[in-house]
PDB file of all heavy atoms in Angstrom:
ATOM      1  N   GLU A   1      85.820  -4.670  70.698  1.00  0.00           N
ATOM      2  CA  GLU A   1      85.861  -4.004  72.004  1.00  0.00           C
ATOM      3  C   GLU A   1      84.459  -3.563  72.438  1.00  0.00           C
ATOM      4  O   GLU A   1      83.718  -2.957  71.655  1.00  0.00           O
ATOM      5  CB  GLU A   1      86.781  -2.783  71.959  1.00  0.00           C
ATOM      6  CG  GLU A   1      88.230  -3.105  71.656  1.00  0.00           C
ATOM      7  CD  GLU A   1      89.094  -1.871  71.588  1.00  0.00           C
ATOM      8  OE1 GLU A   1      88.548  -0.744  71.761  1.00  0.00           O
ATOM      9  OE2 GLU A   1      90.307  -2.016  71.366  1.00  0.00           O
ATOM     10  N   TRP A   2      84.144  -3.880  73.689  1.00  0.00           N
ATOM     11  CA  TRP A   2      82.965  -3.338  74.349  1.00  0.00           C
ATOM     12  C   TRP A   2      83.453  -2.498  75.524  1.00  0.00           C
ATOM     13  O   TRP A   2      84.312  -2.935  76.304  1.00  0.00           O
ATOM     14  CB  TRP A   2      82.053  -4.445  74.854  1.00  0.00           C
ATOM     15  CG  TRP A   2      81.163  -5.018  73.789  1.00  0.00           C
ATOM     16  CD1 TRP A   2      81.440  -6.050  72.949  1.00  0.00           C
ATOM     17  CD2 TRP A   2      79.854  -4.568  73.457  1.00  0.00           C
ATOM     18  NE1 TRP A   2      80.389  -6.296  72.116  1.00  0.00           N
ATOM     19  CE2 TRP A   2      79.386  -5.400  72.408  1.00  0.00           C
ATOM     20  CE3 TRP A   2      79.013  -3.572  73.944  1.00  0.00           C
ATOM     21  CZ2 TRP A   2      78.125  -5.250  71.826  1.00  0.00           C
ATOM     22  CZ3 TRP A   2      77.748  -3.414  73.375  1.00  0.00           C
ATOM     23  CH2 TRP A   2      77.317  -4.245  72.328  1.00  0.00           C
ATOM     24  N   ALA A   3      82.898  -1.287  75.661  1.00  0.00           N
ATOM     25  CA  ALA A   3      83.391  -0.397  76.708  1.00  0.00           C
ATOM     26  C   ALA A   3      82.270   0.485  77.245  1.00  0.00           C
ATOM     27  O   ALA A   3      81.206   0.634  76.626  1.00  0.00           O
ATOM     28  CB  ALA A   3      84.529   0.469  76.174  1.00  0.00           C
ATOM     29  N   ARG A   4      82.519   1.052  78.434  1.00  0.00           N
ATOM     30  CA  ARG A   4      81.658   2.082  79.027  1.00  0.00           C
ATOM     31  C   ARG A   4      82.493   3.351  79.155  1.00  0.00           C
ATOM     32  O   ARG A   4      83.409   3.423  79.983  1.00  0.00           O
ATOM     33  CB  ARG A   4      81.166   1.657  80.415  1.00  0.00           C
ATOM     34  CG  ARG A   4      80.066   0.637  80.396  1.00  0.00           C
ATOM     35  CD  ARG A   4      78.744   1.051  80.969  1.00  0.00           C
ATOM     36  NE  ARG A   4      78.675   2.066  81.968  1.00  0.00           N
ATOM     37  CZ  ARG A   4      78.233   1.864  83.221  1.00  0.00           C
ATOM     38  NH1 ARG A   4      77.910   0.646  83.621  1.00  0.00           N
ATOM     39  NH2 ARG A   4      78.127   2.862  84.049  1.00  0.00           N
ATOM     40  N   PRO A   5      82.218   4.364  78.329  1.00  0.00           N
ATOM     41  CA  PRO A   5      83.032   5.585  78.352  1.00  0.00           C
ATOM     42  C   PRO A   5      83.062   6.288  79.703  1.00  0.00           C
ATOM     43  O   PRO A   5      83.992   7.049  79.984  1.00  0.00           O
ATOM     44  CB  PRO A   5      82.367   6.466  77.282  1.00  0.00           C
ATOM     45  CG  PRO A   5      81.651   5.505  76.390  1.00  0.00           C
ATOM     46  CD  PRO A   5      81.191   4.394  77.287  1.00  0.00           C
ATOM     47  N   ASP A   6      82.043   6.053  80.555  1.00  0.00           N
ATOM     48  CA  ASP A   6      81.966   6.758  81.831  1.00  0.00           C
ATOM     49  C   ASP A   6      82.757   6.068  82.942  1.00  0.00           C
ATOM     50  O   ASP A   6      82.802   6.574  84.069  1.00  0.00           O
ATOM     51  CB  ASP A   6      80.509   6.910  82.262  1.00  0.00           C
ATOM     52  CG  ASP A   6      79.812   5.564  82.423  1.00  0.00           C
ATOM     53  OD1 ASP A   6      80.068   4.658  81.606  1.00  0.00           O
ATOM     54  OD2 ASP A   6      79.018   5.411  83.371  1.00  0.00           O
ATOM     55  N   LEU A   7      83.356   4.921  82.658  1.00  0.00           N
ATOM     56  CA  LEU A   7      84.107   4.183  83.674  1.00  0.00           C
ATOM     57  C   LEU A   7      85.605   4.223  83.392  1.00  0.00           C
ATOM     58  O   LEU A   7      86.030   4.471  82.261  1.00  0.00           O
ATOM     59  CB  LEU A   7      83.630   2.724  83.738  1.00  0.00           C
ATOM     60  CG  LEU A   7      82.168   2.472  84.099  1.00  0.00           C
ATOM     61  CD1 LEU A   7      81.889   0.972  84.124  1.00  0.00           C
ATOM     62  CD2 LEU A   7      81.824   3.104  85.442  1.00  0.00           C
ATOM     63  N   SER A   8      86.376   3.942  84.424  1.00  0.00           N
ATOM     64  CA  SER A   8      87.829   3.852  84.264  1.00  0.00           C
ATOM     65  C   SER A   8      88.356   2.725  85.160  1.00  0.00           C
ATOM     66  O   SER A   8      88.214   2.807  86.386  1.00  0.00           O
ATOM     67  CB  SER A   8      88.499   5.180  84.646  1.00  0.00           C
ATOM     68  OG  SER A   8      89.894   5.097  84.486  1.00  0.00           O
ATOM     69  N   PRO A   9      88.941   1.667  84.598  1.00  0.00           N
ATOM     70  CA  PRO A   9      89.057   1.436  83.149  1.00  0.00           C
ATOM     71  C   PRO A   9      87.703   1.182  82.517  1.00  0.00           C
ATOM     72  O   PRO A   9      86.789   0.688  83.165  1.00  0.00           O
ATOM     73  CB  PRO A   9      89.952   0.201  83.070  1.00  0.00           C
ATOM     74  CG  PRO A   9      89.701  -0.519  84.364  1.00  0.00           C
ATOM     75  CD  PRO A   9      89.481   0.542  85.391  1.00  0.00           C
ATOM     76  N   GLY A  10      87.612   1.530  81.242  1.00  0.00           N
ATOM     77  CA  GLY A  10      86.315   1.482  80.576  1.00  0.00           C
ATOM     78  C   GLY A  10      86.017   0.214  79.810  1.00  0.00           C
ATOM     79  O   GLY A  10      84.887   0.019  79.377  1.00  0.00           O
ATOM     80  N   PHE A  11      87.017  -0.681  79.650  1.00  0.00           N
ATOM     81  CA  PHE A  11      86.766  -1.896  78.883  1.00  0.00           C
ATOM     82  C   PHE A  11      85.864  -2.859  79.660  1.00  0.00           C
ATOM     83  O   PHE A  11      86.124  -3.177  80.825  1.00  0.00           O
ATOM     84  CB  PHE A  11      88.073  -2.595  78.526  1.00  0.00           C
ATOM     85  CG  PHE A  11      88.865  -1.883  77.471  1.00  0.00           C
ATOM     86  CD1 PHE A  11      90.148  -1.428  77.733  1.00  0.00           C
ATOM     87  CD2 PHE A  11      88.319  -1.666  76.213  1.00  0.00           C
ATOM     88  CE1 PHE A  11      90.873  -0.765  76.754  1.00  0.00           C
ATOM     89  CE2 PHE A  11      89.051  -1.005  75.229  1.00  0.00           C
ATOM     90  CZ  PHE A  11      90.316  -0.544  75.499  1.00  0.00           C
ATOM     91  N   ILE A  12      84.804  -3.334  78.978  1.00  0.00           N
ATOM     92  CA  ILE A  12      83.880  -4.301  79.551  1.00  0.00           C
ATOM     93  C   ILE A  12      84.211  -5.706  79.059  1.00  0.00           C
ATOM     94  O   ILE A  12      84.210  -6.667  79.822  1.00  0.00           O
ATOM     95  CB  ILE A  12      82.426  -3.945  79.176  1.00  0.00           C
ATOM     96  CG1 ILE A  12      82.093  -2.524  79.623  1.00  0.00           C
ATOM     97  CG2 ILE A  12      81.452  -4.931  79.814  1.00  0.00           C
ATOM     98  CD1 ILE A  12      82.331  -2.264  81.092  1.00  0.00           C
ATOM     99  N   HIS A  13      84.495  -5.791  77.761  1.00  0.00           N
ATOM    100  CA  HIS A  13      84.845  -7.085  77.160  1.00  0.00           C
ATOM    101  C   HIS A  13      85.656  -6.819  75.895  1.00  0.00           C
ATOM    102  O   HIS A  13      85.239  -6.005  75.052  1.00  0.00           O
ATOM    103  CB  HIS A  13      83.582  -7.885  76.817  1.00  0.00           C
ATOM    104  CG  HIS A  13      83.836  -9.318  76.501  1.00  0.00           C
ATOM    105  ND1 HIS A  13      83.747 -10.317  77.454  1.00  0.00           N
ATOM    106  CD2 HIS A  13      84.180  -9.948  75.346  1.00  0.00           C
ATOM    107  CE1 HIS A  13      84.017 -11.491  76.901  1.00  0.00           C
ATOM    108  NE2 HIS A  13      84.288 -11.282  75.618  1.00  0.00           N
ATOM    109  N   VAL A  14      86.774  -7.515  75.752  1.00  0.00           N
ATOM    110  CA  VAL A  14      87.636  -7.357  74.582  1.00  0.00           C
ATOM    111  C   VAL A  14      87.953  -8.734  74.015  1.00  0.00           C
ATOM    112  O   VAL A  14      88.380  -9.634  74.744  1.00  0.00           O
ATOM    113  CB  VAL A  14      88.949  -6.617  74.933  1.00  0.00           C
ATOM    114  CG1 VAL A  14      89.852  -6.537  73.699  1.00  0.00           C
ATOM    115  CG2 VAL A  14      88.644  -5.226  75.469  1.00  0.00           C
ATOM    116  N   MET A  15      87.744  -8.884  72.702  1.00  0.00           N
ATOM    117  CA  MET A  15      88.077 -10.123  71.995  1.00  0.00           C
ATOM    118  C   MET A  15      89.171  -9.842  70.981  1.00  0.00           C
ATOM    119  O   MET A  15      89.129  -8.839  70.263  1.00  0.00           O
ATOM    120  CB  MET A  15      86.843 -10.674  71.271  1.00  0.00           C
ATOM    121  CG  MET A  15      85.757 -11.213  72.182  1.00  0.00           C
ATOM    122  SD  MET A  15      86.124 -12.858  72.825  1.00  0.00           S
ATOM    123  CE  MET A  15      85.945 -13.842  71.341  1.00  0.00           C
ATOM    124  N   ALA A  16      90.159 -10.746  70.891  1.00  0.00           N
ATOM    125  CA  ALA A  16      91.231 -10.639  69.901  1.00  0.00           C
ATOM    126  C   ALA A  16      91.590 -12.045  69.449  1.00  0.00           C
ATOM    127  O   ALA A  16      91.875 -12.909  70.287  1.00  0.00           O
ATOM    128  CB  ALA A  16      92.446  -9.928  70.480  1.00  0.00           C
ATOM    129  N   ALA A  17      91.539 -12.271  68.136  1.00  0.00           N
ATOM    130  CA  ALA A  17      91.834 -13.589  67.569  1.00  0.00           C
ATOM    131  C   ALA A  17      90.954 -14.669  68.191  1.00  0.00           C
ATOM    132  O   ALA A  17      91.397 -15.785  68.431  1.00  0.00           O
ATOM    133  CB  ALA A  17      93.309 -13.930  67.750  1.00  0.00           C
ATOM    134  N   GLY A  18      89.696 -14.323  68.464  1.00  0.00           N
ATOM    135  CA  GLY A  18      88.748 -15.302  68.970  1.00  0.00           C
ATOM    136  C   GLY A  18      88.850 -15.593  70.447  1.00  0.00           C
ATOM    137  O   GLY A  18      88.136 -16.469  70.961  1.00  0.00           O
ATOM    138  N   ARG A  19      89.682 -14.854  71.183  1.00  0.00           N
ATOM    139  CA  ARG A  19      89.832 -15.076  72.623  1.00  0.00           C
ATOM    140  C   ARG A  19      89.624 -13.788  73.395  1.00  0.00           C
ATOM    141  O   ARG A  19      89.949 -12.693  72.915  1.00  0.00           O
ATOM    142  CB  ARG A  19      91.222 -15.635  72.940  1.00  0.00           C
ATOM    143  CG  ARG A  19      91.471 -17.037  72.369  1.00  0.00           C
ATOM    144  CD  ARG A  19      92.822 -17.556  72.830  1.00  0.00           C
ATOM    145  NE  ARG A  19      93.055 -18.921  72.346  1.00  0.00           N
ATOM    146  CZ  ARG A  19      94.151 -19.618  72.628  1.00  0.00           C
ATOM    147  NH1 ARG A  19      95.106 -19.075  73.385  1.00  0.00           N
ATOM    148  NH2 ARG A  19      94.290 -20.840  72.148  1.00  0.00           N
ATOM    149  N   GLU A  20      89.118 -13.946  74.609  1.00  0.00           N
ATOM    150  CA  GLU A  20      88.900 -12.765  75.442  1.00  0.00           C
ATOM    151  C   GLU A  20      90.206 -12.274  76.040  1.00  0.00           C
ATOM    152  O   GLU A  20      91.036 -13.062  76.495  1.00  0.00           O
ATOM    153  CB  GLU A  20      87.901 -13.063  76.568  1.00  0.00           C
ATOM    154  CG  GLU A  20      87.608 -11.841  77.438  1.00  0.00           C
ATOM    155  CD  GLU A  20      86.718 -12.118  78.630  1.00  0.00           C
ATOM    156  OE1 GLU A  20      86.311 -13.284  78.798  1.00  0.00           O
ATOM    157  OE2 GLU A  20      86.439 -11.173  79.389  1.00  0.00           O
ATOM    158  N   ARG A  21      90.367 -10.966  76.059  1.00  0.00           N
ATOM    159  CA  ARG A  21      91.505 -10.316  76.716  1.00  0.00           C
ATOM    160  C   ARG A  21      90.992  -9.634  77.980  1.00  0.00           C
ATOM    161  O   ARG A  21      90.055  -8.828  77.918  1.00  0.00           O
ATOM    162  CB  ARG A  21      92.130  -9.277  75.786  1.00  0.00           C
ATOM    163  CG  ARG A  21      92.625  -9.846  74.454  1.00  0.00           C
ATOM    164  CD  ARG A  21      93.892 -10.653  74.660  1.00  0.00           C
ATOM    165  NE  ARG A  21      94.966  -9.834  75.185  1.00  0.00           N
ATOM    166  CZ  ARG A  21      95.806  -9.117  74.408  1.00  0.00           C
ATOM    167  NH1 ARG A  21      95.659  -9.138  73.079  1.00  0.00           N
ATOM    168  NH2 ARG A  21      96.774  -8.410  74.947  1.00  0.00           N
ATOM    169  N   VAL A  22      91.584  -9.977  79.101  1.00  0.00           N
ATOM    170  CA  VAL A  22      91.094  -9.441  80.372  1.00  0.00           C
ATOM    171  C   VAL A  22      91.943  -8.281  80.883  1.00  0.00           C
ATOM    172  O   VAL A  22      91.706  -7.763  81.979  1.00  0.00           O
ATOM    173  CB  VAL A  22      91.049 -10.557  81.443  1.00  0.00           C
ATOM    174  CG1 VAL A  22      90.030 -11.604  81.059  1.00  0.00           C
ATOM    175  CG2 VAL A  22      92.434 -11.181  81.639  1.00  0.00           C
ATOM    176  N   ASP A  23      92.931  -7.855  80.107  1.00  0.00           N
ATOM    177  CA  ASP A  23      93.769  -6.730  80.520  1.00  0.00           C
ATOM    178  C   ASP A  23      92.937  -5.460  80.619  1.00  0.00           C
ATOM    179  O   ASP A  23      92.178  -5.112  79.706  1.00  0.00           O
ATOM    180  CB  ASP A  23      94.907  -6.500  79.518  1.00  0.00           C
ATOM    181  CG  ASP A  23      95.807  -7.723  79.384  1.00  0.00           C
ATOM    182  OD1 ASP A  23      95.750  -8.577  80.283  1.00  0.00           O
ATOM    183  OD2 ASP A  23      96.532  -7.818  78.380  1.00  0.00           O
ATOM    184  N   ASP A  24      93.077  -4.776  81.744  1.00  0.00           N
ATOM    185  CA  ASP A  24      92.393  -3.489  81.977  1.00  0.00           C
ATOM    186  C   ASP A  24      90.870  -3.606  81.909  1.00  0.00           C
ATOM    187  O   ASP A  24      90.169  -2.642  81.592  1.00  0.00           O
ATOM    188  CB  ASP A  24      92.861  -2.437  80.966  1.00  0.00           C
ATOM    189  CG  ASP A  24      94.346  -2.121  81.093  1.00  0.00           C
ATOM    190  OD1 ASP A  24      94.849  -2.163  82.224  1.00  0.00           O
ATOM    191  OD2 ASP A  24      94.976  -1.865  80.053  1.00  0.00           O
ATOM    192  N   LYS A  25      90.346  -4.772  82.206  1.00  0.00           N
ATOM    193  CA  LYS A  25      88.894  -4.940  82.197  1.00  0.00           C
ATOM    194  C   LYS A  25      88.296  -4.384  83.485  1.00  0.00           C
ATOM    195  O   LYS A  25      88.869  -4.538  84.565  1.00  0.00           O
ATOM    196  CB  LYS A  25      88.523  -6.421  82.046  1.00  0.00           C
ATOM    197  CG  LYS A  25      87.020  -6.677  81.995  1.00  0.00           C
ATOM    198  CD  LYS A  25      86.710  -8.127  81.697  1.00  0.00           C
ATOM    199  CE  LYS A  25      85.209  -8.349  81.591  1.00  0.00           C
ATOM    200  NZ  LYS A  25      84.860  -9.735  81.229  1.00  0.00           N
ATOM    201  N   GLN A  26      87.161  -3.742  83.369  1.00  0.00           N
ATOM    202  CA  GLN A  26      86.457  -3.196  84.533  1.00  0.00           C
ATOM    203  C   GLN A  26      86.141  -4.332  85.506  1.00  0.00           C
ATOM    204  O   GLN A  26      85.448  -5.293  85.151  1.00  0.00           O
ATOM    205  CB  GLN A  26      85.177  -2.499  84.077  1.00  0.00           C
ATOM    206  CG  GLN A  26      84.284  -2.006  85.187  1.00  0.00           C
ATOM    207  CD  GLN A  26      84.963  -1.007  86.107  1.00  0.00           C
ATOM    208  OE1 GLN A  26      84.916  -1.160  87.307  1.00  0.00           O
ATOM    209  NE2 GLN A  26      85.618  -0.004  85.523  1.00  0.00           N
ATOM    210  N   PRO A  27      86.641  -4.264  86.760  1.00  0.00           N
ATOM    211  CA  PRO A  27      86.465  -5.375  87.721  1.00  0.00           C
ATOM    212  C   PRO A  27      85.017  -5.774  87.964  1.00  0.00           C
ATOM    213  O   PRO A  27      84.721  -6.949  88.165  1.00  0.00           O
ATOM    214  CB  PRO A  27      87.112  -4.832  88.998  1.00  0.00           C
ATOM    215  CG  PRO A  27      88.093  -3.802  88.523  1.00  0.00           C
ATOM    216  CD  PRO A  27      87.466  -3.176  87.313  1.00  0.00           C
ATOM    217  N   SER A  28      84.101  -4.808  87.951  1.00  0.00           N
ATOM    218  CA  SER A  28      82.701  -5.122  88.267  1.00  0.00           C
ATOM    219  C   SER A  28      82.037  -6.000  87.200  1.00  0.00           C
ATOM    220  O   SER A  28      80.947  -6.535  87.426  1.00  0.00           O
ATOM    221  CB  SER A  28      81.897  -3.831  88.440  1.00  0.00           C
ATOM    222  OG  SER A  28      81.882  -3.084  87.236  1.00  0.00           O
TER     223      SER A  28
END
């Protein structure tokens, strides 16, 4: 997980089982 604690949603990039998960990813 990569995140920015000051943003909501705070996830920047999430990988699981070698694939990116785009759920709740920061739109910008």
